[in-house]
Amino acid sequence: MIEKAVQALKRGDFILLYDFDEREGETDLAIRSDAVTPRHIMQMRKDAGGLICTAVHPAAAERLGLPFASDLLNGTSFGEKTGDIPYDRKNRSSFSLWVNHRTTYTGITDNDRALTITAVANQVKIALNGGGHNFGGEFRSPGHVPLLRAADSLLDQRRGQTELSIALAELAGITPSITICEMLDDESGKALSKEDAIAYAKAHNLVFIEGNDVLSYWASHKEH
């Protein structure tokens, strides 16, 4: 199944990515950022309903000058404290800046968010090829696309949806920026159950995988 997920990402299709029972216990709709269209944004906000975020490879984030939001807030009453995250008390949040591309209008429409996200993916690609020194010239903040900065050692350091998705991008050999959105339950107001997420995947002919699948595949490829 993990190979099918990798191929789906290569094609620019959605996959469903569940993290771990003992972590968030959430399923995200995930897609490569450079393939995002307004229709993908619509599907995420209507069928998933969570926060539409764009994960960025740590090396690209470093070269683009993308900080961790927790670093920016240190010293304020909003600063993140050790152990603040109930499902991940050993690590800090992956949130970075919230941005709009400078050619967008409000930034919140499906068209605007798709434009911002694909432009972020392009900056990631440029940065990983030695460029990417004018991120602020192309984007403004605050905006409507939250960026997530993956941990430096990816799954060896942190096992969140950010790291799982970027690890999958690396395994797929695509630009390592993935856009993700948590799937919520309209009835309970909670995260969509794993069983309902699997049912959604079957109904829409999408691949469903779990964090443990990614960890195993990641480990096997690191050994070669």
Protein backbone atom coordinates (compact mmCIF):
# COMPACT_ATOMS: atom_id res chain seq x y z
CA MET A 1 0.00 0.00 0.00
CA ILE A 2 2.85 2.40 0.74
CA GLU A 3 4.13 2.00 -2.82
CA LYS A 4 0.68 2.97 -4.09
CA ALA A 5 0.76 6.07 -1.89
CA VAL A 6 4.16 7.07 -3.29
CA GLN A 7 2.89 6.63 -6.85
CA ALA A 8 -0.25 8.63 -6.06
CA LEU A 9 1.86 11.52 -4.75
CA LYS A 10 3.98 11.40 -7.89
CA ARG A 11 0.81 11.67 -10.00
CA GLY A 12 -0.45 14.62 -7.99
CA ASP A 13 -3.34 12.70 -6.43
CA PHE A 14 -4.58 12.97 -2.87
CA ILE A 15 -3.65 10.33 -0.33
CA LEU A 16 -5.04 9.86 3.17
CA LEU A 17 -2.34 9.87 5.83
CA TYR A 18 -3.16 8.75 9.38
CA ASP A 19 -0.50 9.41 11.99
CA PHE A 20 -0.60 7.16 15.08
CA ASP A 21 -3.18 5.96 17.59
CA GLU A 22 -0.99 7.25 20.41
CA ARG A 23 -0.36 10.66 18.82
CA GLU A 24 -2.98 12.92 17.22
CA GLY A 25 -5.02 9.99 15.96
CA GLU A 26 -5.96 12.06 12.91
CA THR A 27 -6.12 11.48 9.18
CA ASP A 28 -4.98 14.21 6.79
CA LEU A 29 -5.77 14.66 3.14
CA ALA A 30 -2.32 15.15 1.60
CA ILE A 31 -1.13 16.19 -1.85
CA ARG A 32 2.11 17.43 -3.39
CA SER A 33 2.07 21.21 -3.18
CA ASP A 34 3.25 21.84 -6.72
CA ALA A 35 0.14 20.05 -8.04
CA VAL A 36 -2.44 21.94 -5.96
CA THR A 37 -5.34 23.51 -7.86
CA PRO A 38 -8.35 25.50 -6.66
CA ARG A 39 -10.43 22.33 -6.87
CA HIS A 40 -8.06 20.60 -4.45
CA ILE A 41 -8.48 23.47 -2.00
CA MET A 42 -12.26 23.15 -2.33
CA GLN A 43 -12.12 19.41 -1.67
CA MET A 44 -9.96 19.88 1.41
CA ARG A 45 -12.15 22.55 2.96
CA LYS A 46 -15.41 20.72 2.15
CA ASP A 47 -14.47 17.08 2.69
CA ALA A 48 -11.72 17.44 5.30
CA GLY A 49 -12.56 20.69 7.07
CA GLY A 50 -9.38 21.14 9.09
CA LEU A 51 -6.57 23.63 8.62
CA ILE A 52 -5.04 23.64 5.14
CA CYS A 53 -1.27 23.83 5.75
CA THR A 54 1.82 23.46 3.60
CA ALA A 55 4.75 21.46 4.91
CA VAL A 56 8.28 22.42 3.83
CA HIS A 57 11.52 20.43 3.87
CA PRO A 58 13.87 21.63 6.65
CA ALA A 59 16.79 22.39 4.34
CA ALA A 60 14.56 24.55 2.14
CA ALA A 61 13.05 26.26 5.18
CA GLU A 62 16.54 27.12 6.42
CA ARG A 63 17.63 28.57 3.09
CA LEU A 64 14.39 30.52 2.72
CA GLY A 65 14.73 31.95 6.21
CA LEU A 66 11.48 30.43 7.50
CA PRO A 67 11.51 30.50 11.32
CA PHE A 68 9.62 28.36 13.79
CA ALA A 69 6.70 30.38 15.14
CA SER A 70 7.67 29.26 18.65
CA ASP A 71 11.02 31.04 18.25
CA LEU A 72 9.28 34.25 17.21
CA LEU A 73 6.97 34.08 20.23
CA ASN A 74 9.59 33.27 22.84
CA GLY A 75 9.69 35.95 25.47
CA THR A 76 6.01 36.79 25.04
CA SER A 77 3.04 35.50 26.99
CA PHE A 78 2.23 33.36 23.96
CA GLY A 79 5.61 31.64 23.86
CA GLU A 80 5.53 27.86 23.59
CA LYS A 81 6.74 26.08 26.70
CA THR A 82 8.26 22.63 26.97
CA GLY A 83 5.51 20.08 27.19
CA ASP A 84 2.81 22.42 25.85
CA ILE A 85 1.73 20.00 23.12
CA PRO A 86 -0.26 17.21 24.83
CA TYR A 87 0.32 14.64 22.07
CA ASP A 88 4.01 15.49 21.55
CA ARG A 89 5.57 16.80 24.75
CA LYS A 90 9.18 16.27 23.61
CA ASN A 91 9.03 18.41 20.46
CA ARG A 92 7.98 21.91 19.49
CA SER A 93 5.26 22.75 17.01
CA SER A 94 6.22 22.75 13.34
CA PHE A 95 4.29 25.96 12.60
CA SER A 96 6.22 28.70 10.84
CA LEU A 97 4.81 31.79 9.09
CA TRP A 98 1.35 32.26 7.61
CA VAL A 99 1.71 33.73 4.12
CA ASN A 100 -0.09 35.02 1.04
CA HIS A 101 1.54 35.41 -2.34
CA ARG A 102 1.87 39.10 -3.13
CA THR A 103 -0.28 38.78 -6.27
CA THR A 104 -3.28 37.46 -4.33
CA TYR A 105 -6.15 39.69 -3.21
CA THR A 106 -7.61 38.55 0.12
CA GLY A 107 -5.59 35.34 0.05
CA ILE A 108 -8.41 33.13 1.37
CA THR A 109 -10.19 32.12 -1.84
CA ASP A 110 -9.57 28.73 -3.41
CA ASN A 111 -7.77 30.44 -6.30
CA ASP A 112 -5.61 32.56 -4.00
CA ARG A 113 -4.60 29.72 -1.72
CA ALA A 114 -3.76 27.45 -4.65
CA LEU A 115 -1.60 30.20 -6.12
CA THR A 116 0.22 30.77 -2.83
CA ILE A 117 0.80 27.06 -2.25
CA THR A 118 2.20 26.32 -5.70
CA ALA A 119 4.43 29.39 -5.41
CA VAL A 120 5.74 28.12 -2.05
CA ALA A 121 6.52 24.76 -3.67
CA ASN A 122 8.42 26.54 -6.42
CA GLN A 123 10.45 28.43 -3.83
CA VAL A 124 11.26 25.13 -2.10
CA LYS A 125 12.49 23.72 -5.40
CA ILE A 126 14.59 26.81 -6.09
CA ALA A 127 16.03 26.80 -2.56
CA LEU A 128 17.09 23.16 -2.79
CA ASN A 129 18.90 23.98 -6.02
CA GLY A 130 20.95 26.77 -4.47
CA GLY A 131 18.62 29.76 -4.86
CA GLY A 132 15.68 31.10 -2.91
CA HIS A 133 16.95 34.23 -1.21
CA ASN A 134 13.98 36.54 -1.78
CA PHE A 135 11.08 34.77 -0.10
CA GLY A 136 9.88 38.01 1.45
CA GLY A 137 9.80 39.65 -1.93
CA GLU A 138 7.29 37.12 -3.22
CA PHE A 139 5.14 36.60 -0.12
CA ARG A 140 3.62 38.73 2.61
CA SER A 141 2.73 37.76 6.16
CA PRO A 142 0.36 37.34 7.91
CA GLY A 143 -1.55 35.39 5.30
CA HIS A 144 -3.90 32.49 4.80
CA VAL A 145 -1.50 29.61 4.15
CA PRO A 146 0.19 28.30 7.31
CA LEU A 147 3.65 26.94 6.59
CA LEU A 148 5.01 23.98 8.55
CA ARG A 149 8.75 23.54 8.96
CA ALA A 150 9.72 19.89 9.25
CA ALA A 151 12.20 18.82 11.91
CA ASP A 152 15.82 18.77 10.74
CA SER A 153 16.16 14.98 10.99
CA LEU A 154 12.60 14.31 9.86
CA LEU A 155 11.24 11.04 11.29
CA ASP A 156 14.39 10.38 13.28
CA GLN A 157 13.52 13.47 15.32
CA ARG A 158 9.76 14.01 15.17
CA ARG A 159 6.86 11.89 13.94
CA GLY A 160 4.17 14.41 13.10
CA GLN A 161 2.13 14.75 9.93
CA THR A 162 4.67 17.34 8.77
CA GLU A 163 7.59 14.91 8.93
CA LEU A 164 5.57 11.95 7.64
CA SER A 165 4.48 13.90 4.57
CA ILE A 166 7.93 15.32 3.80
CA ALA A 167 9.48 11.87 4.22
CA LEU A 168 6.96 10.55 1.70
CA ALA A 169 7.88 13.35 -0.69
CA GLU A 170 11.54 12.38 -0.43
CA LEU A 171 10.67 8.73 -1.04
CA ALA A 172 8.62 9.75 -4.07
CA GLY A 173 11.43 11.90 -5.46
CA ILE A 174 9.22 14.97 -5.79
CA THR A 175 9.67 18.56 -4.59
CA PRO A 176 9.49 18.12 -0.79
CA SER A 177 6.52 20.32 -0.03
CA ILE A 178 3.20 18.68 0.80
CA THR A 179 -0.12 20.34 1.53
CA ILE A 180 -2.19 18.67 4.23
CA CYS A 181 -5.59 19.14 5.88
CA GLU A 182 -7.04 17.30 8.89
CA MET A 183 -10.26 15.38 8.31
CA LEU A 184 -12.99 16.28 10.80
CA ASP A 185 -16.30 14.65 11.67
CA ASP A 186 -19.39 16.77 10.96
CA GLU A 187 -21.48 14.91 13.51
CA SER A 188 -19.22 14.58 16.55
CA GLY A 189 -17.13 17.71 16.09
CA LYS A 190 -14.03 15.58 16.61
CA ALA A 191 -11.40 14.19 14.30
CA LEU A 192 -12.76 11.79 11.70
CA SER A 193 -12.36 8.23 12.94
CA LYS A 194 -9.84 5.96 11.25
CA GLU A 195 -12.69 3.70 10.11
CA ASP A 196 -14.57 6.59 8.49
CA ALA A 197 -11.38 7.84 6.87
CA ILE A 198 -10.78 4.40 5.37
CA ALA A 199 -14.38 4.38 4.11
CA TYR A 200 -13.84 7.82 2.51
CA ALA A 201 -10.69 6.57 0.82
CA LYS A 202 -12.53 3.57 -0.62
CA ALA A 203 -15.45 5.69 -1.79
CA HIS A 204 -13.12 8.11 -3.60
CA ASN A 205 -10.60 5.52 -4.81
CA LEU A 206 -7.78 7.04 -2.76
CA VAL A 207 -4.91 5.38 -0.93
CA PHE A 208 -5.04 5.25 2.88
CA ILE A 209 -1.81 4.71 4.81
CA GLU A 210 -0.68 5.00 8.42
CA GLY A 211 2.37 6.51 10.06
CA ASN A 212 3.74 3.06 10.86
CA ASP A 213 3.67 2.21 7.14
CA VAL A 214 5.75 5.31 6.41
CA LEU A 215 8.18 4.58 9.25
CA SER A 216 8.83 1.05 8.00
CA TYR A 217 9.30 2.16 4.40
CA TRP A 218 11.52 5.05 5.48
CA ALA A 219 13.72 2.75 7.59
CA SER A 220 14.09 0.19 4.83
CA HIS A 221 15.20 2.86 2.33
CA LYS A 222 17.66 4.41 4.79
CA GLU A 223 19.44 1.09 5.00
CA HIS A 224 20.18 1.04 1.26
